[in-house]
Protein backbone atom coordinates (compact mmCIF):
# COMPACT_ATOMS: atom_id res chain seq x y z
CA MET A 1 82.57 -25.65 -49.06
CA PHE A 2 81.54 -28.01 -51.85
CA PHE A 3 80.17 -25.08 -53.85
CA ALA A 4 83.25 -22.98 -53.13
CA THR A 5 85.79 -25.65 -54.14
CA MET A 6 83.94 -27.29 -57.05
CA ARG A 7 85.23 -26.56 -60.57
CA TRP A 8 82.03 -26.54 -62.60
CA THR A 9 82.96 -28.58 -65.65
CA SER A 10 80.62 -31.07 -67.31
CA GLU A 11 82.89 -33.93 -66.21
CA ASN A 12 82.89 -32.74 -62.58
CA PHE A 13 79.15 -32.11 -62.68
CA PHE A 14 78.48 -35.70 -63.80
CA THR A 15 80.95 -37.04 -61.23
CA ALA A 16 79.33 -34.93 -58.50
CA PHE A 17 75.90 -36.26 -59.45
CA ILE A 18 77.09 -39.87 -59.11
CA LEU A 19 78.93 -39.12 -55.84
CA ILE A 20 75.89 -37.37 -54.38
CA LEU A 21 73.72 -40.39 -55.16
CA ALA A 22 76.33 -42.73 -53.65
CA ALA A 23 76.75 -40.54 -50.55
CA GLY A 24 72.96 -40.38 -50.11
CA PHE A 25 72.75 -44.15 -50.23
CA ILE A 26 75.66 -44.45 -47.77
CA GLY A 27 74.00 -41.98 -45.36
CA TRP A 28 70.78 -44.02 -45.48
CA PHE A 29 72.69 -47.29 -45.06
CA GLN A 30 74.50 -45.94 -41.99
CA THR A 31 71.16 -45.50 -40.18
CA ILE A 32 69.95 -49.07 -40.66
CA LYS A 33 71.14 -50.40 -37.29
CA SER A 34 71.37 -47.04 -35.50
CA GLU A 35 69.60 -46.90 -32.16
CA ILE A 36 68.39 -43.62 -30.69
CA LYS A 37 67.56 -42.96 -27.06
CA VAL A 38 66.21 -39.62 -25.86
CA THR A 39 67.03 -39.36 -22.16
CA ASP A 40 65.37 -37.38 -19.38
CA GLU A 41 68.67 -35.54 -18.81
CA LEU A 42 69.09 -31.99 -20.13
CA ASP A 43 72.23 -30.45 -21.63
CA ARG A 44 73.54 -27.01 -20.64
CA HIS A 45 71.07 -25.40 -23.06
CA GLN A 46 68.12 -27.25 -21.46
CA ARG A 47 67.66 -29.61 -24.40
CA PRO A 48 67.17 -33.37 -23.89
CA VAL A 49 70.36 -35.42 -24.18
CA ILE A 50 70.23 -37.84 -27.11
CA LEU A 51 72.26 -41.04 -27.21
CA ILE A 52 72.92 -42.62 -30.61
CA LYS A 53 74.43 -46.06 -31.05
CA LYS A 54 75.57 -46.06 -34.68
CA GLY A 55 76.46 -49.71 -35.21
CA PHE A 56 78.40 -51.68 -37.82
CA PRO A 57 76.67 -50.18 -40.91
CA TYR A 58 77.91 -46.75 -39.82
CA ILE A 59 81.50 -48.01 -39.81
CA LEU A 60 81.03 -49.69 -43.21
CA GLY A 61 79.63 -46.43 -44.60
CA TRP A 62 82.55 -44.47 -43.16
CA ILE A 63 84.97 -46.90 -44.81
CA ALA A 64 83.06 -46.64 -48.12
CA ILE A 65 83.31 -42.83 -48.03
CA PHE A 66 87.03 -43.07 -47.26
CA ILE A 67 87.57 -45.48 -50.19
CA LEU A 68 85.52 -43.29 -52.55
CA GLY A 69 87.60 -40.29 -51.47
CA ILE A 70 90.82 -42.18 -52.22
CA MET A 71 89.45 -43.32 -55.60
CA MET A 72 88.44 -39.77 -56.49
CA HIS A 73 91.87 -38.47 -55.49
CA PHE A 74 93.48 -41.08 -57.74
CA PHE A 75 91.05 -40.22 -60.57
CA HIS A 76 91.80 -36.50 -60.34
CA HIS A 77 95.53 -36.69 -59.67
CA ALA A 78 96.38 -39.91 -61.59
CA SER A 79 98.54 -41.20 -58.74
CA ILE A 80 98.58 -41.64 -55.02
CA ALA A 81 101.35 -42.64 -52.64
CA ILE A 82 100.87 -45.08 -49.76
CA ASP A 83 101.87 -42.28 -47.37
CA ASP A 84 99.03 -40.19 -48.79
CA ILE A 85 96.55 -42.97 -48.00
CA PHE A 86 97.64 -43.21 -44.37
CA SER A 87 97.70 -39.43 -44.09
CA GLU A 88 94.18 -39.22 -45.55
CA PHE A 89 92.97 -41.95 -43.19
CA ALA A 90 94.29 -40.05 -40.17
CA HIS A 91 92.80 -36.83 -41.53
CA GLU A 92 89.36 -38.45 -42.04
CA LEU A 93 89.45 -40.01 -38.59
CA LEU A 94 90.26 -36.65 -37.02
CA LYS A 95 87.44 -34.98 -38.95
CA ASP A 96 84.97 -37.61 -37.75
CA ILE A 97 86.07 -37.31 -34.12
CA ALA A 98 86.47 -33.51 -34.01
CA VAL A 99 83.87 -31.98 -36.33
CA PHE A 100 85.33 -28.46 -36.06
CA THR A 101 88.44 -29.59 -37.96
CA ARG A 102 86.29 -30.22 -41.04
CA PHE A 103 85.77 -26.47 -41.49
CA SER A 104 89.46 -25.61 -41.54
CA SER A 105 90.24 -28.40 -43.99
CA LYS A 106 91.36 -27.72 -47.56
CA ASP A 107 89.65 -30.82 -48.93
CA SER A 108 88.81 -31.23 -52.58
CA TRP A 109 85.24 -30.73 -53.74
CA TYR A 110 84.52 -34.46 -53.93
CA VAL A 111 85.40 -34.97 -50.25
CA TRP A 112 83.03 -32.14 -49.33
CA ALA A 113 80.28 -33.66 -51.49
CA LEU A 114 80.73 -37.14 -50.01
CA SER A 115 80.96 -36.09 -46.37
CA GLY A 116 78.31 -33.37 -46.60
CA VAL A 117 75.64 -35.40 -48.37
CA SER A 118 76.23 -38.55 -46.32
CA SER A 119 76.04 -36.54 -43.08
CA MET A 120 72.85 -34.72 -44.12
CA THR A 121 71.24 -37.97 -45.28
CA PHE A 122 72.29 -39.74 -42.08
CA THR A 123 70.69 -36.98 -39.99
CA PHE A 124 67.55 -36.93 -42.16
CA PHE A 125 66.95 -40.67 -41.73
CA LEU A 126 67.74 -40.53 -38.00
CA GLU A 127 65.03 -37.86 -37.70
CA LYS A 128 62.65 -40.24 -39.51
CA LYS A 129 63.47 -43.01 -37.01
CA GLU A 130 62.83 -40.84 -33.95
CA ALA A 131 60.12 -38.18 -34.33
CA ARG A 132 61.33 -36.13 -31.31
CA LEU A 133 64.86 -35.90 -32.71
CA LYS A 134 64.00 -33.23 -35.29
CA ASP A 135 62.37 -30.98 -32.68
CA ILE A 136 65.30 -31.42 -30.30
CA LEU A 137 67.93 -30.73 -32.96
CA HIS A 138 66.16 -27.64 -34.25
CA GLN A 139 64.90 -26.08 -31.01
CA GLY A 140 68.06 -24.03 -30.40
CA THR A 141 69.58 -22.99 -27.10
CA LYS A 142 67.65 -21.61 -24.13
CA ASN A 143 68.85 -18.06 -24.99
CA GLN A 144 67.75 -18.40 -28.63
CA ARG A 145 64.31 -19.60 -27.54
CA LYS A 146 64.07 -16.75 -25.02
CA ARG A 147 64.91 -14.12 -27.70
CA ALA A 148 62.44 -15.65 -30.15
CA HIS A 149 59.56 -15.64 -27.67
CA PRO A 150 57.16 -12.70 -28.34
CA ASP A 151 56.84 -11.78 -24.62
CA ASN A 152 60.57 -10.94 -24.39
CA ARG A 153 60.72 -7.52 -25.99
């Protein structure tokens, strides 16, 4: 969505570069105190259940992304009402709780850049903390594995 909503001007390109660096740092910072536990339980797709305790740095990173989003809105629209801040806060909270709402959102390009890069960086560094996490996240469902297996023709 970032690529679809971004207006490719030199000013936006420079801003995007800075935001991507900031979001990458925030994503890394959010993993500092994260704890990962791979359980012996299996989900409905026969993958191990993973428990992640995100910790205080995750909340600080979430707040930083929210503040950067507000600042970017102000920068691009030259004003912002208090109601807009509370509305944006509720919107961001909903997107963090219910990920599917992120895809129906009409966010500006900078929100997509911030949330996308911070999420990808967060996942990347979690995978570095727990070697099994990458395999578990990328192994697919039982049906996908069954179709991919050469003996199932």
